[in-house]
Amino acid sequence: EVQLVESGGGLVQPGGSLRLSCAASGFTFSSYAMSWVRQAPGKGLEWVSAINSGGGSTSYADSVKGRFTISRDNAKNTLYLQMNSLKPEDTAVYYCRRAVGGYWGQGTQVTVSS
């Protein structure tokens, strides 16, 4: 059974940092590209970032480019999202996703507020 479990969310002040993790199980993690997607209150889903299976290729939404860094540790079956210089508009539930097969985690809440 494919499982994706996010962690690391919380309340942070503007300008602060958080690192999200997504622990994967039930499949060969190193064989799949992964991504992060977020949903702000009252808004639709927004793609945030993606990384290829080996970790050598990454992409970002313009809204987070230069502030967020996606990475993965295939030995630990874990996907990461380092978020720096957080803004109130980054407030959202963050999901990790394996696009192939349409698998999603349960999400982790990130709230940026003073």
N, C-alpha and C. Protein backbone atom coordinates (compact mmCIF):
# COMPACT_ATOMS: atom_id res chain seq x y z
N GLU A 1 0.84 -1.19 0.00
CA GLU A 1 0.00 0.00 0.00
C GLU A 1 0.88 1.25 0.00
N VAL A 2 0.62 2.12 -0.95
CA VAL A 2 1.37 3.38 -1.01
C VAL A 2 0.93 4.29 0.12
N GLN A 3 1.90 4.81 0.86
CA GLN A 3 1.61 5.77 1.91
C GLN A 3 2.57 6.95 1.81
N LEU A 4 2.02 8.15 1.97
CA LEU A 4 2.79 9.37 2.02
C LEU A 4 2.36 10.13 3.27
N VAL A 5 3.30 10.40 4.15
CA VAL A 5 2.98 11.03 5.43
C VAL A 5 3.83 12.28 5.60
N GLU A 6 3.16 13.43 5.56
CA GLU A 6 3.85 14.71 5.72
C GLU A 6 3.99 15.07 7.19
N SER A 7 5.01 15.86 7.48
CA SER A 7 5.23 16.39 8.81
C SER A 7 6.04 17.66 8.70
N GLY A 8 6.13 18.40 9.81
CA GLY A 8 6.97 19.57 9.86
C GLY A 8 6.25 20.90 9.75
N GLY A 9 4.95 20.87 9.54
CA GLY A 9 4.20 22.12 9.48
C GLY A 9 4.08 22.77 10.85
N GLY A 10 3.53 23.98 10.85
CA GLY A 10 3.35 24.69 12.11
C GLY A 10 3.10 26.16 11.89
N LEU A 11 3.19 26.90 12.98
CA LEU A 11 3.01 28.35 12.95
C LEU A 11 4.38 29.00 12.97
N VAL A 12 4.61 29.92 12.06
CA VAL A 12 5.89 30.60 11.97
C VAL A 12 5.63 32.07 11.64
N GLN A 13 6.51 32.93 12.10
CA GLN A 13 6.38 34.36 11.81
C GLN A 13 6.85 34.66 10.39
N PRO A 14 6.35 35.74 9.80
CA PRO A 14 6.86 36.14 8.48
C PRO A 14 8.37 36.30 8.51
N GLY A 15 9.01 35.80 7.45
CA GLY A 15 10.46 35.81 7.38
C GLY A 15 11.11 34.57 7.95
N GLY A 16 10.34 33.74 8.61
CA GLY A 16 10.87 32.53 9.22
C GLY A 16 11.02 31.39 8.24
N SER A 17 11.43 30.24 8.80
CA SER A 17 11.69 29.05 7.98
C SER A 17 11.02 27.83 8.59
N LEU A 18 10.71 26.89 7.72
CA LEU A 18 10.23 25.57 8.12
C LEU A 18 10.77 24.56 7.12
N ARG A 19 10.93 23.33 7.58
CA ARG A 19 11.26 22.24 6.68
C ARG A 19 10.19 21.17 6.77
N LEU A 20 9.53 20.92 5.67
CA LEU A 20 8.54 19.85 5.60
C LEU A 20 9.20 18.55 5.16
N SER A 21 8.68 17.46 5.69
CA SER A 21 9.13 16.13 5.29
C SER A 21 7.95 15.31 4.82
N CYS A 22 8.21 14.39 3.93
CA CYS A 22 7.18 13.45 3.46
C CYS A 22 7.81 12.06 3.46
N ALA A 23 7.37 11.23 4.38
CA ALA A 23 7.89 9.86 4.47
C ALA A 23 7.06 8.95 3.56
N ALA A 24 7.74 8.29 2.65
CA ALA A 24 7.07 7.43 1.67
C ALA A 24 7.27 5.96 2.00
N SER A 25 6.26 5.16 1.72
CA SER A 25 6.37 3.72 1.93
C SER A 25 5.43 3.00 0.98
N GLY A 26 5.68 1.71 0.78
CA GLY A 26 4.80 0.91 -0.04
C GLY A 26 5.14 0.90 -1.52
N PHE A 27 6.22 1.57 -1.89
CA PHE A 27 6.66 1.58 -3.29
C PHE A 27 8.15 1.91 -3.33
N THR A 28 8.73 1.72 -4.52
CA THR A 28 10.16 2.01 -4.70
C THR A 28 10.32 3.51 -4.91
N PHE A 29 10.56 4.20 -3.81
CA PHE A 29 10.57 5.67 -3.80
C PHE A 29 11.54 6.23 -4.83
N SER A 30 12.69 5.62 -4.97
CA SER A 30 13.73 6.16 -5.84
C SER A 30 13.37 6.07 -7.33
N SER A 31 12.27 5.43 -7.65
CA SER A 31 11.87 5.28 -9.05
C SER A 31 10.89 6.34 -9.53
N TYR A 32 10.43 7.20 -8.64
CA TYR A 32 9.36 8.12 -8.98
C TYR A 32 9.70 9.58 -8.72
N ALA A 33 9.29 10.43 -9.68
CA ALA A 33 9.30 11.86 -9.41
C ALA A 33 8.25 12.18 -8.36
N MET A 34 8.52 13.22 -7.60
CA MET A 34 7.62 13.63 -6.53
C MET A 34 7.40 15.14 -6.60
N SER A 35 6.35 15.59 -5.96
CA SER A 35 6.07 17.02 -5.96
C SER A 35 5.40 17.45 -4.67
N TRP A 36 5.39 18.75 -4.47
CA TRP A 36 4.64 19.38 -3.38
C TRP A 36 3.55 20.26 -4.00
N VAL A 37 2.38 20.20 -3.40
CA VAL A 37 1.23 20.97 -3.83
C VAL A 37 0.62 21.59 -2.57
N ARG A 38 0.08 22.78 -2.68
CA ARG A 38 -0.52 23.41 -1.51
C ARG A 38 -1.92 23.93 -1.82
N GLN A 39 -2.67 24.11 -0.75
CA GLN A 39 -4.01 24.68 -0.87
C GLN A 39 -4.21 25.70 0.23
N ALA A 40 -4.31 26.95 -0.17
CA ALA A 40 -4.56 28.04 0.77
C ALA A 40 -6.04 28.06 1.15
N PRO A 41 -6.36 28.66 2.29
CA PRO A 41 -7.77 28.71 2.71
C PRO A 41 -8.66 29.33 1.65
N GLY A 42 -9.71 28.63 1.28
CA GLY A 42 -10.66 29.16 0.32
C GLY A 42 -10.20 29.19 -1.12
N LYS A 43 -9.05 28.59 -1.40
CA LYS A 43 -8.50 28.62 -2.77
C LYS A 43 -8.29 27.21 -3.30
N GLY A 44 -7.98 27.13 -4.56
CA GLY A 44 -7.74 25.85 -5.19
C GLY A 44 -6.33 25.33 -4.95
N LEU A 45 -6.04 24.17 -5.50
CA LEU A 45 -4.72 23.59 -5.38
C LEU A 45 -3.70 24.37 -6.20
N GLU A 46 -2.52 24.53 -5.64
CA GLU A 46 -1.43 25.22 -6.34
C GLU A 46 -0.20 24.33 -6.32
N TRP A 47 0.31 23.99 -7.49
CA TRP A 47 1.56 23.25 -7.56
C TRP A 47 2.70 24.13 -7.05
N VAL A 48 3.58 23.57 -6.23
CA VAL A 48 4.66 24.33 -5.61
C VAL A 48 6.02 23.97 -6.20
N SER A 49 6.32 22.67 -6.25
CA SER A 49 7.66 22.26 -6.67
C SER A 49 7.65 20.79 -7.03
N ALA A 50 8.63 20.39 -7.83
CA ALA A 50 8.76 18.99 -8.23
C ALA A 50 10.23 18.60 -8.31
N ILE A 51 10.48 17.32 -8.19
CA ILE A 51 11.84 16.80 -8.26
C ILE A 51 11.80 15.45 -8.98
N ASN A 52 12.81 15.19 -9.79
CA ASN A 52 12.81 13.92 -10.52
C ASN A 52 13.25 12.78 -9.60
N SER A 53 13.22 11.59 -10.12
CA SER A 53 13.44 10.42 -9.27
C SER A 53 14.83 10.41 -8.63
N GLY A 54 15.83 10.88 -9.37
CA GLY A 54 17.19 10.88 -8.84
C GLY A 54 17.56 12.10 -8.03
N GLY A 55 16.72 13.11 -8.09
CA GLY A 55 16.98 14.33 -7.34
C GLY A 55 17.81 15.37 -8.07
N GLY A 56 18.20 15.07 -9.30
CA GLY A 56 19.07 15.99 -10.01
C GLY A 56 18.37 17.09 -10.77
N SER A 57 17.06 17.02 -10.86
CA SER A 57 16.30 18.02 -11.59
C SER A 57 15.13 18.50 -10.74
N THR A 58 15.02 19.80 -10.59
CA THR A 58 13.96 20.38 -9.77
C THR A 58 13.28 21.52 -10.52
N SER A 59 12.06 21.83 -10.10
CA SER A 59 11.35 22.96 -10.67
C SER A 59 10.47 23.58 -9.60
N TYR A 60 10.15 24.86 -9.79
CA TYR A 60 9.43 25.62 -8.78
C TYR A 60 8.40 26.54 -9.41
N ALA A 61 7.33 26.78 -8.67
CA ALA A 61 6.39 27.82 -9.05
C ALA A 61 7.08 29.17 -8.87
N ASP A 62 6.71 30.13 -9.69
CA ASP A 62 7.30 31.46 -9.59
C ASP A 62 7.10 32.06 -8.20
N SER A 63 5.99 31.72 -7.57
CA SER A 63 5.66 32.31 -6.27
C SER A 63 6.62 31.88 -5.16
N VAL A 64 7.35 30.78 -5.36
CA VAL A 64 8.24 30.29 -4.30
C VAL A 64 9.70 30.22 -4.75
N LYS A 65 9.95 30.49 -6.01
CA LYS A 65 11.31 30.37 -6.54
C LYS A 65 12.26 31.28 -5.78
N GLY A 66 13.40 30.72 -5.41
CA GLY A 66 14.39 31.48 -4.66
C GLY A 66 14.19 31.44 -3.16
N ARG A 67 13.04 30.94 -2.71
CA ARG A 67 12.76 30.86 -1.27
C ARG A 67 12.63 29.42 -0.80
N PHE A 68 12.09 28.56 -1.65
CA PHE A 68 11.86 27.16 -1.29
C PHE A 68 12.86 26.27 -2.01
N THR A 69 13.23 25.17 -1.37
CA THR A 69 14.12 24.19 -1.97
C THR A 69 13.56 22.79 -1.75
N ILE A 70 13.35 22.08 -2.84
CA ILE A 70 12.89 20.70 -2.75
C ILE A 70 14.09 19.78 -2.81
N SER A 71 14.04 18.70 -2.07
CA SER A 71 15.12 17.71 -2.10
C SER A 71 14.56 16.36 -1.70
N ARG A 72 15.37 15.35 -1.84
CA ARG A 72 14.94 14.00 -1.46
C ARG A 72 16.14 13.19 -1.00
N ASP A 73 15.86 12.25 -0.12
CA ASP A 73 16.86 11.29 0.32
C ASP A 73 16.31 9.91 -0.01
N ASN A 74 16.76 9.35 -1.10
CA ASN A 74 16.21 8.07 -1.54
C ASN A 74 16.58 6.92 -0.60
N ALA A 75 17.67 7.07 0.13
CA ALA A 75 18.04 6.04 1.10
C ALA A 75 17.08 6.02 2.29
N LYS A 76 16.47 7.17 2.57
CA LYS A 76 15.52 7.29 3.69
C LYS A 76 14.08 7.33 3.22
N ASN A 77 13.86 7.21 1.90
CA ASN A 77 12.50 7.27 1.35
C ASN A 77 11.75 8.52 1.81
N THR A 78 12.43 9.64 1.75
CA THR A 78 11.85 10.87 2.28
C THR A 78 12.04 12.03 1.31
N LEU A 79 10.99 12.80 1.15
CA LEU A 79 10.96 14.02 0.36
C LEU A 79 10.94 15.21 1.31
N TYR A 80 11.62 16.28 0.93
CA TYR A 80 11.70 17.46 1.78
C TYR A 80 11.29 18.72 1.02
N LEU A 81 10.87 19.72 1.80
CA LEU A 81 10.67 21.06 1.25
C LEU A 81 11.18 22.05 2.30
N GLN A 82 12.31 22.66 2.00
CA GLN A 82 12.86 23.71 2.86
C GLN A 82 12.25 25.03 2.44
N MET A 83 11.59 25.68 3.37
CA MET A 83 10.88 26.92 3.09
C MET A 83 11.51 28.05 3.90
N ASN A 84 12.08 29.02 3.21
CA ASN A 84 12.70 30.17 3.85
C ASN A 84 11.95 31.43 3.48
N SER A 85 12.22 32.49 4.22
CA SER A 85 11.60 33.80 3.94
C SER A 85 10.10 33.66 3.76
N LEU A 86 9.48 32.99 4.67
CA LEU A 86 8.04 32.71 4.54
C LEU A 86 7.21 33.98 4.62
N LYS A 87 6.14 33.99 3.84
CA LYS A 87 5.23 35.12 3.76
C LYS A 87 3.83 34.67 4.21
N PRO A 88 3.00 35.59 4.64
CA PRO A 88 1.63 35.21 5.01
C PRO A 88 0.90 34.47 3.88
N GLU A 89 1.19 34.82 2.65
CA GLU A 89 0.52 34.17 1.52
C GLU A 89 0.99 32.74 1.28
N ASP A 90 2.00 32.30 2.04
CA ASP A 90 2.41 30.89 1.98
C ASP A 90 1.55 30.02 2.89
N THR A 91 0.68 30.64 3.68
CA THR A 91 -0.21 29.88 4.55
C THR A 91 -1.08 28.94 3.72
N ALA A 92 -1.02 27.66 4.05
CA ALA A 92 -1.74 26.65 3.27
C ALA A 92 -1.55 25.29 3.91
N VAL A 93 -2.33 24.34 3.43
CA VAL A 93 -2.04 22.94 3.71
C VAL A 93 -1.13 22.45 2.59
N TYR A 94 -0.02 21.85 2.97
CA TYR A 94 0.97 21.37 2.00
C TYR A 94 0.87 19.86 1.89
N TYR A 95 0.79 19.40 0.64
CA TYR A 95 0.67 17.97 0.36
C TYR A 95 1.86 17.50 -0.46
N CYS A 96 2.35 16.31 -0.18
CA CYS A 96 3.28 15.70 -1.11
C CYS A 96 2.48 14.76 -2.01
N ARG A 97 2.96 14.60 -3.20
CA ARG A 97 2.21 13.86 -4.20
C ARG A 97 3.12 13.04 -5.07
N ARG A 98 2.67 11.84 -5.37
CA ARG A 98 3.27 11.05 -6.42
C ARG A 98 2.29 11.07 -7.58
N ALA A 99 2.64 11.78 -8.63
CA ALA A 99 1.69 11.99 -9.72
C ALA A 99 1.31 10.68 -10.39
N VAL A 100 2.28 9.80 -10.57
CA VAL A 100 1.99 8.50 -11.19
C VAL A 100 1.12 7.69 -10.23
N GLY A 101 -0.08 7.46 -10.64
CA GLY A 101 -1.02 6.74 -9.79
C GLY A 101 -1.89 7.65 -8.94
N GLY A 102 -1.53 8.94 -8.89
CA GLY A 102 -2.37 9.90 -8.17
C GLY A 102 -2.40 9.74 -6.67
N TYR A 103 -1.23 9.55 -6.06
CA TYR A 103 -1.17 9.37 -4.61
C TYR A 103 -0.84 10.69 -3.90
N TRP A 104 -1.55 10.93 -2.82
CA TRP A 104 -1.38 12.14 -2.02
C TRP A 104 -1.20 11.77 -0.55
N GLY A 105 -0.49 12.62 0.17
CA GLY A 105 -0.45 12.51 1.62
C GLY A 105 -1.66 13.18 2.22
N GLN A 106 -1.70 13.19 3.56
CA GLN A 106 -2.84 13.78 4.26
C GLN A 106 -2.69 15.28 4.43
N GLY A 107 -1.49 15.78 4.20
CA GLY A 107 -1.25 17.22 4.29
C GLY A 107 -0.74 17.66 5.65
N THR A 108 -0.02 18.76 5.64
CA THR A 108 0.46 19.38 6.88
C THR A 108 0.21 20.88 6.79
N GLN A 109 -0.31 21.45 7.87
CA GLN A 109 -0.70 22.87 7.87
C GLN A 109 0.51 23.76 8.12
N VAL A 110 0.67 24.75 7.28
CA VAL A 110 1.68 25.79 7.49
C VAL A 110 0.94 27.11 7.63
N THR A 111 1.18 27.81 8.73
CA THR A 111 0.56 29.10 8.97
C THR A 111 1.66 30.12 9.22
N VAL A 112 1.65 31.17 8.41
CA VAL A 112 2.63 32.24 8.52
C VAL A 112 1.92 33.48 9.01
N SER A 113 2.20 33.86 10.24
CA SER A 113 1.48 34.97 10.85
C SER A 113 2.28 35.52 12.01
N SER A 114 2.14 36.83 12.21
CA SER A 114 2.79 37.46 13.36
C SER A 114 1.83 37.51 14.55
